[in-house]
Amino acid sequence: MNEIGSNIRQFFRSLFGSRVSEVLELSLLQTRSDFEQRLQDKDAVIAELRSERAQLMSELTLYRLRAGLPTASQLTAKKQPSFLFDTPQKTSWQLAQEQHDAENARLDAEEALAAAQKKEATQ
């Protein structure tokens, strides 16, 4: 009797387990296909927006040319950005480092001069 019950339980476990795995596999495949579809939709929207932007930029350039306004390429060709020629401002830390290095160089020069004078005096 015990053997029949275990066979029945095993039959139901294998039956139920296989259906659960099938449902999970189908769910996984559906999730993957949904993800791939969303990626394709995103790429399509991006391509559409890029083409729309290019069309609007060409219309803007055309309007500027008709109105006699300079186009973007003409504006950048005439004027160089000022940041290319500006020297960067030194921070307070960089200034402190320069002062410290100058002081050390001055002290080293004084020590070398004193050593040279001492050497001459002993000769």
PDB file of N, CA and C in Angstrom:
ATOM      1  N   MET A   1       0.822  -1.192   0.000  1.00  0.00           N
ATOM      2  CA  MET A   1       0.000   0.000   0.000  1.00  0.00           C
ATOM      3  C   MET A   1       0.871   1.263   0.000  1.00  0.00           C
ATOM      4  N   ASN A   2       1.931   1.232   0.787  1.00  0.00           N
ATOM      5  CA  ASN A   2       2.837   2.360   0.897  1.00  0.00           C
ATOM      6  C   ASN A   2       3.516   2.629  -0.443  1.00  0.00           C
ATOM      7  N   GLU A   3       3.783   1.586  -1.182  1.00  0.00           N
ATOM      8  CA  GLU A   3       4.445   1.697  -2.467  1.00  0.00           C
ATOM      9  C   GLU A   3       3.526   2.358  -3.503  1.00  0.00           C
ATOM     10  N   ILE A   4       2.264   2.073  -3.474  1.00  0.00           N
ATOM     11  CA  ILE A   4       1.297   2.665  -4.407  1.00  0.00           C
ATOM     12  C   ILE A   4       1.174   4.162  -4.139  1.00  0.00           C
ATOM     13  N   GLY A   5       1.125   4.543  -2.859  1.00  0.00           N
ATOM     14  CA  GLY A   5       1.018   5.963  -2.486  1.00  0.00           C
ATOM     15  C   GLY A   5       2.236   6.749  -2.931  1.00  0.00           C
ATOM     16  N   SER A   6       3.415   6.161  -2.758  1.00  0.00           N
ATOM     17  CA  SER A   6       4.637   6.861  -3.172  1.00  0.00           C
ATOM     18  C   SER A   6       4.691   6.994  -4.694  1.00  0.00           C
ATOM     19  N   ASN A   7       4.187   5.972  -5.401  1.00  0.00           N
ATOM     20  CA  ASN A   7       4.148   6.056  -6.867  1.00  0.00           C
ATOM     21  C   ASN A   7       3.186   7.153  -7.329  1.00  0.00           C
ATOM     22  N   ILE A   8       2.050   7.252  -6.646  1.00  0.00           N
ATOM     23  CA  ILE A   8       1.077   8.288  -7.006  1.00  0.00           C
ATOM     24  C   ILE A   8       1.660   9.680  -6.722  1.00  0.00           C
ATOM     25  N   ARG A   9       2.292   9.861  -5.541  1.00  0.00           N
ATOM     26  CA  ARG A   9       2.911  11.160  -5.194  1.00  0.00           C
ATOM     27  C   ARG A   9       4.006  11.517  -6.195  1.00  0.00           C
ATOM     28  N   GLN A  10       4.823  10.555  -6.563  1.00  0.00           N
ATOM     29  CA  GLN A  10       5.893  10.809  -7.516  1.00  0.00           C
ATOM     30  C   GLN A  10       5.324  11.182  -8.879  1.00  0.00           C
ATOM     31  N   PHE A  11       4.223  10.520  -9.281  1.00  0.00           N
ATOM     32  CA  PHE A  11       3.586  10.831 -10.553  1.00  0.00           C
ATOM     33  C   PHE A  11       3.083  12.276 -10.567  1.00  0.00           C
ATOM     34  N   PHE A  12       2.397  12.676  -9.489  1.00  0.00           N
ATOM     35  CA  PHE A  12       1.889  14.047  -9.430  1.00  0.00           C
ATOM     36  C   PHE A  12       3.027  15.085  -9.343  1.00  0.00           C
ATOM     37  N   ARG A  13       4.092  14.764  -8.629  1.00  0.00           N
ATOM     38  CA  ARG A  13       5.241  15.685  -8.548  1.00  0.00           C
ATOM     39  C   ARG A  13       5.883  15.878  -9.920  1.00  0.00           C
ATOM     40  N   SER A  14       6.078  14.780 -10.642  1.00  0.00           N
ATOM     41  CA  SER A  14       6.694  14.899 -11.972  1.00  0.00           C
ATOM     42  C   SER A  14       5.752  15.617 -12.934  1.00  0.00           C
ATOM     43  N   LEU A  15       4.453  15.380 -12.824  1.00  0.00           N
ATOM     44  CA  LEU A  15       3.471  16.037 -13.686  1.00  0.00           C
ATOM     45  C   LEU A  15       3.411  17.529 -13.390  1.00  0.00           C
ATOM     46  N   PHE A  16       3.282  17.877 -12.129  1.00  0.00           N
ATOM     47  CA  PHE A  16       3.191  19.277 -11.722  1.00  0.00           C
ATOM     48  C   PHE A  16       4.508  20.003 -11.966  1.00  0.00           C
ATOM     49  N   GLY A  17       5.613  19.350 -11.647  1.00  0.00           N
ATOM     50  CA  GLY A  17       6.928  19.959 -11.823  1.00  0.00           C
ATOM     51  C   GLY A  17       7.231  20.257 -13.276  1.00  0.00           C
ATOM     52  N   SER A  18       6.840  19.388 -14.150  1.00  0.00           N
ATOM     53  CA  SER A  18       7.126  19.613 -15.558  1.00  0.00           C
ATOM     54  C   SER A  18       6.288  20.766 -16.091  1.00  0.00           C
ATOM     55  N   ARG A  19       5.058  20.909 -15.627  1.00  0.00           N
ATOM     56  CA  ARG A  19       4.220  22.012 -16.087  1.00  0.00           C
ATOM     57  C   ARG A  19       4.738  23.351 -15.555  1.00  0.00           C
ATOM     58  N   VAL A  20       5.211  23.331 -14.346  1.00  0.00           N
ATOM     59  CA  VAL A  20       5.761  24.565 -13.783  1.00  0.00           C
ATOM     60  C   VAL A  20       6.994  24.986 -14.578  1.00  0.00           C
ATOM     61  N   SER A  21       7.846  24.044 -14.892  1.00  0.00           N
ATOM     62  CA  SER A  21       9.044  24.391 -15.657  1.00  0.00           C
ATOM     63  C   SER A  21       8.668  24.883 -17.059  1.00  0.00           C
ATOM     64  N   GLU A  22       7.650  24.287 -17.662  1.00  0.00           N
ATOM     65  CA  GLU A  22       7.205  24.752 -18.974  1.00  0.00           C
ATOM     66  C   GLU A  22       6.657  26.175 -18.890  1.00  0.00           C
ATOM     67  N   VAL A  23       5.867  26.449 -17.861  1.00  0.00           N
ATOM     68  CA  VAL A  23       5.304  27.791 -17.683  1.00  0.00           C
ATOM     69  C   VAL A  23       6.420  28.803 -17.456  1.00  0.00           C
ATOM     70  N   LEU A  24       7.412  28.429 -16.648  1.00  0.00           N
ATOM     71  CA  LEU A  24       8.532  29.334 -16.394  1.00  0.00           C
ATOM     72  C   LEU A  24       9.353  29.579 -17.655  1.00  0.00           C
ATOM     73  N   GLU A  25       9.573  28.548 -18.449  1.00  0.00           N
ATOM     74  CA  GLU A  25      10.314  28.716 -19.692  1.00  0.00           C
ATOM     75  C   GLU A  25       9.566  29.615 -20.662  1.00  0.00           C
ATOM     76  N   LEU A  26       8.226  29.415 -20.765  1.00  0.00           N
ATOM     77  CA  LEU A  26       7.423  30.271 -21.634  1.00  0.00           C
ATOM     78  C   LEU A  26       7.444  31.717 -21.147  1.00  0.00           C
ATOM     79  N   SER A  27       7.370  31.897 -19.850  1.00  0.00           N
ATOM     80  CA  SER A  27       7.417  33.245 -19.279  1.00  0.00           C
ATOM     81  C   SER A  27       8.761  33.911 -19.560  1.00  0.00           C
ATOM     82  N   LEU A  28       9.827  33.142 -19.446  1.00  0.00           N
ATOM     83  CA  LEU A  28      11.157  33.672 -19.738  1.00  0.00           C
ATOM     84  C   LEU A  28      11.275  34.070 -21.203  1.00  0.00           C
ATOM     85  N   LEU A  29      10.788  33.220 -22.104  1.00  0.00           N
ATOM     86  CA  LEU A  29      10.836  33.550 -23.526  1.00  0.00           C
ATOM     87  C   LEU A  29      10.006  34.788 -23.845  1.00  0.00           C
ATOM     88  N   GLN A  30       8.835  34.897 -23.212  1.00  0.00           N
ATOM     89  CA  GLN A  30       7.993  36.064 -23.437  1.00  0.00           C
ATOM     90  C   GLN A  30       8.661  37.338 -22.914  1.00  0.00           C
ATOM     91  N   THR A  31       9.304  37.238 -21.767  1.00  0.00           N
ATOM     92  CA  THR A  31      10.002  38.391 -21.199  1.00  0.00           C
ATOM     93  C   THR A  31      11.148  38.828 -22.095  1.00  0.00           C
ATOM     94  N   ARG A  32      11.885  37.863 -22.605  1.00  0.00           N
ATOM     95  CA  ARG A  32      12.990  38.185 -23.521  1.00  0.00           C
ATOM     96  C   ARG A  32      12.482  38.844 -24.799  1.00  0.00           C
ATOM     97  N   SER A  33      11.415  38.311 -25.361  1.00  0.00           N
ATOM     98  CA  SER A  33      10.881  38.895 -26.595  1.00  0.00           C
ATOM     99  C   SER A  33      10.334  40.294 -26.342  1.00  0.00           C
ATOM    100  N   ASP A  34       9.700  40.512 -25.174  1.00  0.00           N
ATOM    101  CA  ASP A  34       9.234  41.861 -24.820  1.00  0.00           C
ATOM    102  C   ASP A  34      10.413  42.826 -24.703  1.00  0.00           C
ATOM    103  N   PHE A  35      11.488  42.380 -24.084  1.00  0.00           N
ATOM    104  CA  PHE A  35      12.673  43.219 -23.929  1.00  0.00           C
ATOM    105  C   PHE A  35      13.269  43.576 -25.281  1.00  0.00           C
ATOM    106  N   GLU A  36      13.392  42.582 -26.160  1.00  0.00           N
ATOM    107  CA  GLU A  36      13.948  42.840 -27.486  1.00  0.00           C
ATOM    108  C   GLU A  36      13.042  43.777 -28.283  1.00  0.00           C
ATOM    109  N   GLN A  37      11.729  43.634 -28.129  1.00  0.00           N
ATOM    110  CA  GLN A  37      10.787  44.521 -28.818  1.00  0.00           C
ATOM    111  C   GLN A  37      10.934  45.949 -28.309  1.00  0.00           C
ATOM    112  N   ARG A  38      11.109  46.112 -27.019  1.00  0.00           N
ATOM    113  CA  ARG A  38      11.297  47.461 -26.457  1.00  0.00           C
ATOM    114  C   ARG A  38      12.612  48.071 -26.931  1.00  0.00           C
ATOM    115  N   LEU A  39      13.639  47.266 -27.046  1.00  0.00           N
ATOM    116  CA  LEU A  39      14.907  47.785 -27.571  1.00  0.00           C
ATOM    117  C   LEU A  39      14.750  48.250 -29.017  1.00  0.00           C
ATOM    118  N   GLN A  40      14.034  47.468 -29.810  1.00  0.00           N
ATOM    119  CA  GLN A  40      13.800  47.856 -31.200  1.00  0.00           C
ATOM    120  C   GLN A  40      12.966  49.125 -31.272  1.00  0.00           C
ATOM    121  N   ASP A  41      11.938  49.225 -30.415  1.00  0.00           N
ATOM    122  CA  ASP A  41      11.115  50.431 -30.376  1.00  0.00           C
ATOM    123  C   ASP A  41      11.951  51.653 -29.991  1.00  0.00           C
ATOM    124  N   LYS A  42      12.837  51.477 -29.003  1.00  0.00           N
ATOM    125  CA  LYS A  42      13.702  52.577 -28.566  1.00  0.00           C
ATOM    126  C   LYS A  42      14.609  53.025 -29.709  1.00  0.00           C
ATOM    127  N   ASP A  43      15.204  52.068 -30.413  1.00  0.00           N
ATOM    128  CA  ASP A  43      16.080  52.405 -31.538  1.00  0.00           C
ATOM    129  C   ASP A  43      15.311  53.113 -32.644  1.00  0.00           C
ATOM    130  N   ALA A  44      14.079  52.683 -32.879  1.00  0.00           N
ATOM    131  CA  ALA A  44      13.260  53.323 -33.908  1.00  0.00           C
ATOM    132  C   ALA A  44      12.919  54.758 -33.514  1.00  0.00           C
ATOM    133  N   VAL A  45      12.592  54.987 -32.257  1.00  0.00           N
ATOM    134  CA  VAL A  45      12.281  56.341 -31.786  1.00  0.00           C
ATOM    135  C   VAL A  45      13.507  57.231 -31.880  1.00  0.00           C
ATOM    136  N   ILE A  46      14.660  56.710 -31.513  1.00  0.00           N
ATOM    137  CA  ILE A  46      15.894  57.491 -31.587  1.00  0.00           C
ATOM    138  C   ILE A  46      16.198  57.861 -33.039  1.00  0.00           C
ATOM    139  N   ALA A  47      16.051  56.919 -33.951  1.00  0.00           N
ATOM    140  CA  ALA A  47      16.310  57.196 -35.367  1.00  0.00           C
ATOM    141  C   ALA A  47      15.328  58.242 -35.888  1.00  0.00           C
ATOM    142  N   GLU A  48      14.077  58.144 -35.487  1.00  0.00           N
ATOM    143  CA  GLU A  48      13.068  59.114 -35.917  1.00  0.00           C
ATOM    144  C   GLU A  48      13.387  60.507 -35.381  1.00  0.00           C
ATOM    145  N   LEU A  49      13.785  60.592 -34.128  1.00  0.00           N
ATOM    146  CA  LEU A  49      14.125  61.887 -33.535  1.00  0.00           C
ATOM    147  C   LEU A  49      15.366  62.498 -34.189  1.00  0.00           C
ATOM    148  N   ARG A  50      16.344  61.669 -34.513  1.00  0.00           N
ATOM    149  CA  ARG A  50      17.538  62.179 -35.172  1.00  0.00           C
ATOM    150  C   ARG A  50      17.212  62.733 -36.558  1.00  0.00           C
ATOM    151  N   SER A  51      16.374  62.026 -37.295  1.00  0.00           N
ATOM    152  CA  SER A  51      16.013  62.517 -38.626  1.00  0.00           C
ATOM    153  C   SER A  51      15.192  63.798 -38.512  1.00  0.00           C
ATOM    154  N   GLU A  52      14.315  63.871 -37.528  1.00  0.00           N
ATOM    155  CA  GLU A  52      13.529  65.084 -37.318  1.00  0.00           C
ATOM    156  C   GLU A  52      14.433  66.259 -36.937  1.00  0.00           C
ATOM    157  N   ARG A  53      15.422  65.997 -36.112  1.00  0.00           N
ATOM    158  CA  ARG A  53      16.371  67.044 -35.718  1.00  0.00           C
ATOM    159  C   ARG A  53      17.156  67.538 -36.919  1.00  0.00           C
ATOM    160  N   ALA A  54      17.609  66.622 -37.749  1.00  0.00           N
ATOM    161  CA  ALA A  54      18.357  67.014 -38.944  1.00  0.00           C
ATOM    162  C   ALA A  54      17.487  67.854 -39.875  1.00  0.00           C
ATOM    163  N   GLN A  55      16.224  67.479 -40.010  1.00  0.00           N
ATOM    164  CA  GLN A  55      15.315  68.238 -40.864  1.00  0.00           C
ATOM    165  C   GLN A  55      15.104  69.639 -40.299  1.00  0.00           C
ATOM    166  N   LEU A  56      14.912  69.745 -38.993  1.00  0.00           N
ATOM    167  CA  LEU A  56      14.714  71.053 -38.372  1.00  0.00           C
ATOM    168  C   LEU A  56      15.958  71.925 -38.477  1.00  0.00           C
ATOM    169  N   MET A  57      17.135  71.312 -38.331  1.00  0.00           N
ATOM    170  CA  MET A  57      18.372  72.082 -38.466  1.00  0.00           C
ATOM    171  C   MET A  57      18.543  72.605 -39.891  1.00  0.00           C
ATOM    172  N   SER A  58      18.169  71.804 -40.882  1.00  0.00           N
ATOM    173  CA  SER A  58      18.281  72.262 -42.267  1.00  0.00           C
ATOM    174  C   SER A  58      17.279  73.391 -42.535  1.00  0.00           C
ATOM    175  N   GLU A  59      16.074  73.299 -41.965  1.00  0.00           N
ATOM    176  CA  GLU A  59      15.095  74.374 -42.116  1.00  0.00           C
ATOM    177  C   GLU A  59      15.580  75.650 -41.444  1.00  0.00           C
ATOM    178  N   LEU A  60      16.178  75.519 -40.273  1.00  0.00           N
ATOM    179  CA  LEU A  60      16.710  76.676 -39.565  1.00  0.00           C
ATOM    180  C   LEU A  60      17.824  77.341 -40.370  1.00  0.00           C
ATOM    181  N   THR A  61      18.700  76.548 -40.942  1.00  0.00           N
ATOM    182  CA  THR A  61      19.777  77.093 -41.766  1.00  0.00           C
ATOM    183  C   THR A  61      19.202  77.809 -42.984  1.00  0.00           C
ATOM    184  N   LEU A  62      18.188  77.223 -43.577  1.00  0.00           N
ATOM    185  CA  LEU A  62      17.549  77.847 -44.739  1.00  0.00           C
ATOM    186  C   LEU A  62      16.920  79.179 -44.343  1.00  0.00           C
ATOM    187  N   TYR A  63      16.210  79.244 -43.225  1.00  0.00           N
ATOM    188  CA  TYR A  63      15.608  80.494 -42.758  1.00  0.00           C
ATOM    189  C   TYR A  63      16.673  81.541 -42.465  1.00  0.00           C
ATOM    190  N   ARG A  64      17.772  81.119 -41.880  1.00  0.00           N
ATOM    191  CA  ARG A  64      18.847  82.076 -41.580  1.00  0.00           C
ATOM    192  C   ARG A  64      19.459  82.632 -42.862  1.00  0.00           C
ATOM    193  N   LEU A  65      19.638  81.760 -43.837  1.00  0.00           N
ATOM    194  CA  LEU A  65      20.200  82.227 -45.105  1.00  0.00           C
ATOM    195  C   LEU A  65      19.254  83.205 -45.797  1.00  0.00           C
ATOM    196  N   ARG A  66      17.961  82.924 -45.769  1.00  0.00           N
ATOM    197  CA  ARG A  66      16.974  83.808 -46.400  1.00  0.00           C
ATOM    198  C   ARG A  66      16.893  85.148 -45.675  1.00  0.00           C
ATOM    199  N   ALA A  67      17.043  85.130 -44.344  1.00  0.00           N
ATOM    200  CA  ALA A  67      16.943  86.362 -43.564  1.00  0.00           C
ATOM    201  C   ALA A  67      18.261  87.125 -43.532  1.00  0.00           C
ATOM    202  N   GLY A  68      19.303  86.539 -44.037  1.00  0.00           N
ATOM    203  CA  GLY A  68      20.603  87.204 -44.044  1.00  0.00           C
ATOM    204  C   GLY A  68      21.330  87.080 -42.720  1.00  0.00           C
ATOM    205  N   LEU A  69      20.907  86.193 -41.863  1.00  0.00           N
ATOM    206  CA  LEU A  69      21.581  85.979 -40.587  1.00  0.00           C
ATOM    207  C   LEU A  69      22.731  85.002 -40.783  1.00  0.00           C
ATOM    208  N   PRO A  70      23.780  85.141 -39.991  1.00  0.00           N
ATOM    209  CA  PRO A  70      24.892  84.187 -40.129  1.00  0.00           C
ATOM    210  C   PRO A  70      24.486  82.797 -39.631  1.00  0.00           C
ATOM    211  N   THR A  71      24.990  81.807 -40.312  1.00  0.00           N
ATOM    212  CA  THR A  71      24.720  80.435 -39.887  1.00  0.00           C
ATOM    213  C   THR A  71      25.683  80.052 -38.774  1.00  0.00           C
ATOM    214  N   ALA A  72      25.460  78.918 -38.171  1.00  0.00           N
ATOM    215  CA  ALA A  72      26.290  78.485 -37.051  1.00  0.00           C
ATOM    216  C   ALA A  72      27.736  78.293 -37.480  1.00  0.00           C
ATOM    217  N   SER A  73      27.969  77.762 -38.670  1.00  0.00           N
ATOM    218  CA  SER A  73      29.344  77.552 -39.122  1.00  0.00           C
ATOM    219  C   SER A  73      30.043  78.879 -39.372  1.00  0.00           C
ATOM    220  N   GLN A  74      29.305  79.897 -39.827  1.00  0.00           N
ATOM    221  CA  GLN A  74      29.902  81.208 -40.042  1.00  0.00           C
ATOM    222  C   GLN A  74      30.230  81.884 -38.715  1.00  0.00           C
ATOM    223  N   LEU A  75      29.393  81.677 -37.722  1.00  0.00           N
ATOM    224  CA  LEU A  75      29.645  82.278 -36.418  1.00  0.00           C
ATOM    225  C   LEU A  75      30.896  81.713 -35.769  1.00  0.00           C
ATOM    226  N   THR A  76      31.074  80.412 -35.848  1.00  0.00           N
ATOM    227  CA  THR A  76      32.239  79.806 -35.215  1.00  0.00           C
ATOM    228  C   THR A  76      33.507  80.060 -36.001  1.00  0.00           C
ATOM    229  N   ALA A  77      33.401  80.268 -37.304  1.00  0.00           N
ATOM    230  CA  ALA A  77      34.589  80.517 -38.105  1.00  0.00           C
ATOM    231  C   ALA A  77      35.159  81.911 -37.826  1.00  0.00           C
ATOM    232  N   LYS A  78      34.310  82.873 -37.484  1.00  0.00           N
ATOM    233  CA  LYS A  78      34.768  84.231 -37.254  1.00  0.00           C
ATOM    234  C   LYS A  78      35.348  84.436 -35.867  1.00  0.00           C
ATOM    235  N   LYS A  79      34.798  83.787 -34.892  1.00  0.00           N
ATOM    236  CA  LYS A  79      35.165  84.077 -33.516  1.00  0.00           C
ATOM    237  C   LYS A  79      35.795  82.850 -32.866  1.00  0.00           C
ATOM    238  N   GLN A  80      36.996  83.028 -32.334  1.00  0.00           N
ATOM    239  CA  GLN A  80      37.658  81.947 -31.604  1.00  0.00           C
ATOM    240  C   GLN A  80      37.213  82.017 -30.149  1.00  0.00           C
ATOM    241  N   PRO A  81      37.011  80.898 -29.524  1.00  0.00           N
ATOM    242  CA  PRO A  81      36.622  80.925 -28.118  1.00  0.00           C
ATOM    243  C   PRO A  81      37.724  81.534 -27.257  1.00  0.00           C
ATOM    244  N   SER A  82      37.317  82.320 -26.286  1.00  0.00           N
ATOM    245  CA  SER A  82      38.292  83.034 -25.468  1.00  0.00           C
ATOM    246  C   SER A  82      39.032  82.106 -24.515  1.00  0.00           C
ATOM    247  N   PHE A  83      38.441  80.969 -24.178  1.00  0.00           N
ATOM    248  CA  PHE A  83      39.103  80.086 -23.219  1.00  0.00           C
ATOM    249  C   PHE A  83      40.378  79.461 -23.789  1.00  0.00           C
ATOM    250  N   LEU A  84      40.554  79.516 -25.118  1.00  0.00           N
ATOM    251  CA  LEU A  84      41.765  78.962 -25.696  1.00  0.00           C
ATOM    252  C   LEU A  84      42.987  79.819 -25.389  1.00  0.00           C
ATOM    253  N   PHE A  85      42.758  81.110 -25.162  1.00  0.00           N
ATOM    254  CA  PHE A  85      43.859  82.032 -24.981  1.00  0.00           C
ATOM    255  C   PHE A  85      44.039  82.467 -23.529  1.00  0.00           C
ATOM    256  N   ASP A  86      43.100  82.161 -22.672  1.00  0.00           N
ATOM    257  CA  ASP A  86      43.201  82.548 -21.266  1.00  0.00           C
ATOM    258  C   ASP A  86      44.162  81.625 -20.533  1.00  0.00           C
ATOM    259  N   THR A  87      44.945  82.215 -19.656  1.00  0.00           N
ATOM    260  CA  THR A  87      45.802  81.393 -18.799  1.00  0.00           C
ATOM    261  C   THR A  87      44.987  81.022 -17.567  1.00  0.00           C
ATOM    262  N   PRO A  88      45.094  79.813 -17.111  1.00  0.00           N
ATOM    263  CA  PRO A  88      44.291  79.416 -15.958  1.00  0.00           C
ATOM    264  C   PRO A  88      44.758  80.136 -14.697  1.00  0.00           C
ATOM    265  N   GLN A  89      43.821  80.484 -13.858  1.00  0.00           N
ATOM    266  CA  GLN A  89      44.128  81.135 -12.591  1.00  0.00           C
ATOM    267  C   GLN A  89      44.717  80.108 -11.637  1.00  0.00           C
ATOM    268  N   LYS A  90      45.709  80.530 -10.875  1.00  0.00           N
ATOM    269  CA  LYS A  90      46.329  79.625  -9.914  1.00  0.00           C
ATOM    270  C   LYS A  90      45.506  79.611  -8.637  1.00  0.00           C
ATOM    271  N   THR A  91      45.408  78.445  -8.054  1.00  0.00           N
ATOM    272  CA  THR A  91      44.684  78.317  -6.795  1.00  0.00           C
ATOM    273  C   THR A  91      45.574  78.778  -5.654  1.00  0.00           C
ATOM    274  N   SER A  92      44.962  78.980  -4.495  1.00  0.00           N
ATOM    275  CA  SER A  92      45.737  79.431  -3.340  1.00  0.00           C
ATOM    276  C   SER A  92      46.763  78.366  -2.940  1.00  0.00           C
ATOM    277  N   TRP A  93      46.429  77.124  -3.146  1.00  0.00           N
ATOM    278  CA  TRP A  93      47.364  76.046  -2.821  1.00  0.00           C
ATOM    279  C   TRP A  93      48.572  76.087  -3.748  1.00  0.00           C
ATOM    280  N   GLN A  94      48.347  76.330  -5.034  1.00  0.00           N
ATOM    281  CA  GLN A  94      49.458  76.427  -5.972  1.00  0.00           C
ATOM    282  C   GLN A  94      50.350  77.627  -5.641  1.00  0.00           C
ATOM    283  N   LEU A  95      49.743  78.744  -5.250  1.00  0.00           N
ATOM    284  CA  LEU A  95      50.525  79.914  -4.860  1.00  0.00           C
ATOM    285  C   LEU A  95      51.359  79.626  -3.613  1.00  0.00           C
ATOM    286  N   ALA A  96      50.766  78.935  -2.641  1.00  0.00           N
ATOM    287  CA  ALA A  96      51.499  78.590  -1.415  1.00  0.00           C
ATOM    288  C   ALA A  96      52.664  77.655  -1.739  1.00  0.00           C
ATOM    289  N   GLN A  97      52.452  76.708  -2.640  1.00  0.00           N
ATOM    290  CA  GLN A  97      53.527  75.802  -3.038  1.00  0.00           C
ATOM    291  C   GLN A  97      54.670  76.557  -3.717  1.00  0.00           C
ATOM    292  N   GLU A  98      54.319  77.501  -4.595  1.00  0.00           N
ATOM    293  CA  GLU A  98      55.352  78.281  -5.268  1.00  0.00           C
ATOM    294  C   GLU A  98      56.162  79.114  -4.273  1.00  0.00           C
ATOM    295  N   GLN A  99      55.473  79.716  -3.292  1.00  0.00           N
ATOM    296  CA  GLN A  99      56.185  80.496  -2.273  1.00  0.00           C
ATOM    297  C   GLN A  99      57.105  79.599  -1.457  1.00  0.00           C
ATOM    298  N   HIS A 100      56.620  78.425  -1.107  1.00  0.00           N
ATOM    299  CA  HIS A 100      57.418  77.487  -0.318  1.00  0.00           C
ATOM    300  C   HIS A 100      58.645  77.039  -1.112  1.00  0.00           C
ATOM    301  N   ASP A 101      58.459  76.702  -2.386  1.00  0.00           N
ATOM    302  CA  ASP A 101      59.584  76.285  -3.225  1.00  0.00           C
ATOM    303  C   ASP A 101      60.598  77.414  -3.404  1.00  0.00           C
ATOM    304  N   ALA A 102      60.117  78.654  -3.568  1.00  0.00           N
ATOM    305  CA  ALA A 102      61.022  79.800  -3.713  1.00  0.00           C
ATOM    306  C   ALA A 102      61.821  80.018  -2.424  1.00  0.00           C
ATOM    307  N   GLU A 103      61.144  79.878  -1.296  1.00  0.00           N
ATOM    308  CA  GLU A 103      61.833  80.037   0.004  1.00  0.00           C
ATOM    309  C   GLU A 103      62.898  78.954   0.184  1.00  0.00           C
ATOM    310  N   ASN A 104      62.575  77.726  -0.157  1.00  0.00           N
ATOM    311  CA  ASN A 104      63.549  76.626  -0.061  1.00  0.00           C
ATOM    312  C   ASN A 104      64.730  76.859  -0.992  1.00  0.00           C
ATOM    313  N   ALA A 105      64.483  77.347  -2.196  1.00  0.00           N
ATOM    314  CA  ALA A 105      65.564  77.617  -3.140  1.00  0.00           C
ATOM    315  C   ALA A 105      66.460  78.732  -2.606  1.00  0.00           C
ATOM    316  N   ARG A 106      65.853  79.770  -2.015  1.00  0.00           N
ATOM    317  CA  ARG A 106      66.633  80.866  -1.444  1.00  0.00           C
ATOM    318  C   ARG A 106      67.497  80.380  -0.287  1.00  0.00           C
ATOM    319  N   LEU A 107      66.911  79.533   0.588  1.00  0.00           N
ATOM    320  CA  LEU A 107      67.672  78.995   1.724  1.00  0.00           C
ATOM    321  C   LEU A 107      68.817  78.097   1.244  1.00  0.00           C
ATOM    322  N   ASP A 108      68.562  77.283   0.223  1.00  0.00           N
ATOM    323  CA  ASP A 108      69.617  76.426  -0.320  1.00  0.00           C
ATOM    324  C   ASP A 108      70.753  77.260  -0.899  1.00  0.00           C
ATOM    325  N   ALA A 109      70.401  78.349  -1.595  1.00  0.00           N
ATOM    326  CA  ALA A 109      71.433  79.215  -2.169  1.00  0.00           C
ATOM    327  C   ALA A 109      72.251  79.883  -1.063  1.00  0.00           C
ATOM    328  N   GLU A 110      71.579  80.314   0.007  1.00  0.00           N
ATOM    329  CA  GLU A 110      72.304  80.938   1.128  1.00  0.00           C
ATOM    330  C   GLU A 110      73.243  79.938   1.794  1.00  0.00           C
ATOM    331  N   GLU A 111      72.781  78.705   1.975  1.00  0.00           N
ATOM    332  CA  GLU A 111      73.625  77.677   2.593  1.00  0.00           C
ATOM    333  C   GLU A 111      74.830  77.362   1.709  1.00  0.00           C
ATOM    334  N   ALA A 112      74.611  77.295   0.400  1.00  0.00           N
ATOM    335  CA  ALA A 112      75.715  77.025  -0.510  1.00  0.00           C
ATOM    336  C   ALA A 112      76.713  78.175  -0.497  1.00  0.00           C
ATOM    337  N   LEU A 113      76.215  79.415  -0.445  1.00  0.00           N
ATOM    338  CA  LEU A 113      77.095  80.576  -0.388  1.00  0.00           C
ATOM    339  C   LEU A 113      77.887  80.589   0.920  1.00  0.00           C
ATOM    340  N   ALA A 114      77.226  80.281   2.037  1.00  0.00           N
ATOM    341  CA  ALA A 114      77.906  80.245   3.340  1.00  0.00           C
ATOM    342  C   ALA A 114      78.961  79.145   3.357  1.00  0.00           C
ATOM    343  N   ALA A 115      78.660  77.997   2.769  1.00  0.00           N
ATOM    344  CA  ALA A 115      79.625  76.900   2.727  1.00  0.00           C
ATOM    345  C   ALA A 115      80.815  77.284   1.859  1.00  0.00           C
ATOM    346  N   ALA A 116      80.561  77.973   0.763  1.00  0.00           N
ATOM    347  CA  ALA A 116      81.650  78.394  -0.106  1.00  0.00           C
ATOM    348  C   ALA A 116      82.520  79.437   0.592  1.00  0.00           C
ATOM    349  N   GLN A 117      81.899  80.362   1.325  1.00  0.00           N
ATOM    350  CA  GLN A 117      82.661  81.379   2.050  1.00  0.00           C
ATOM    351  C   GLN A 117      83.475  80.749   3.179  1.00  0.00           C
ATOM    352  N   LYS A 118      82.892  79.766   3.844  1.00  0.00           N
ATOM    353  CA  LYS A 118      83.585  79.088   4.931  1.00  0.00           C
ATOM    354  C   LYS A 118      84.792  78.312   4.385  1.00  0.00           C
ATOM    355  N   LYS A 119      84.595  77.717   3.209  1.00  0.00           N
ATOM    356  CA  LYS A 119      85.677  76.968   2.580  1.00  0.00           C
ATOM    357  C   LYS A 119      86.801  77.898   2.163  1.00  0.00           C
ATOM    358  N   GLU A 120      86.460  79.071   1.639  1.00  0.00           N
ATOM    359  CA  GLU A 120      87.480  80.042   1.252  1.00  0.00           C
ATOM    360  C   GLU A 120      88.228  80.582   2.478  1.00  0.00           C
ATOM    361  N   ALA A 121      87.495  80.754   3.557  1.00  0.00           N
ATOM    362  CA  ALA A 121      88.116  81.303   4.772  1.00  0.00           C
ATOM    363  C   ALA A 121      89.087  80.301   5.382  1.00  0.00           C
ATOM    364  N   THR A 122      88.824  79.030   5.251  1.00  0.00           N
ATOM    365  CA  THR A 122      89.719  78.011   5.806  1.00  0.00           C
ATOM    366  C   THR A 122      90.932  77.793   4.928  1.00  0.00           C
ATOM    367  N   GLN A 123      90.903  78.189   3.730  1.00  0.00           N
ATOM    368  CA  GLN A 123      92.040  77.967   2.838  1.00  0.00           C
ATOM    369  C   GLN A 123      93.068  78.982   3.012  1.00  0.00           C
TER     370      GLN A 123
END
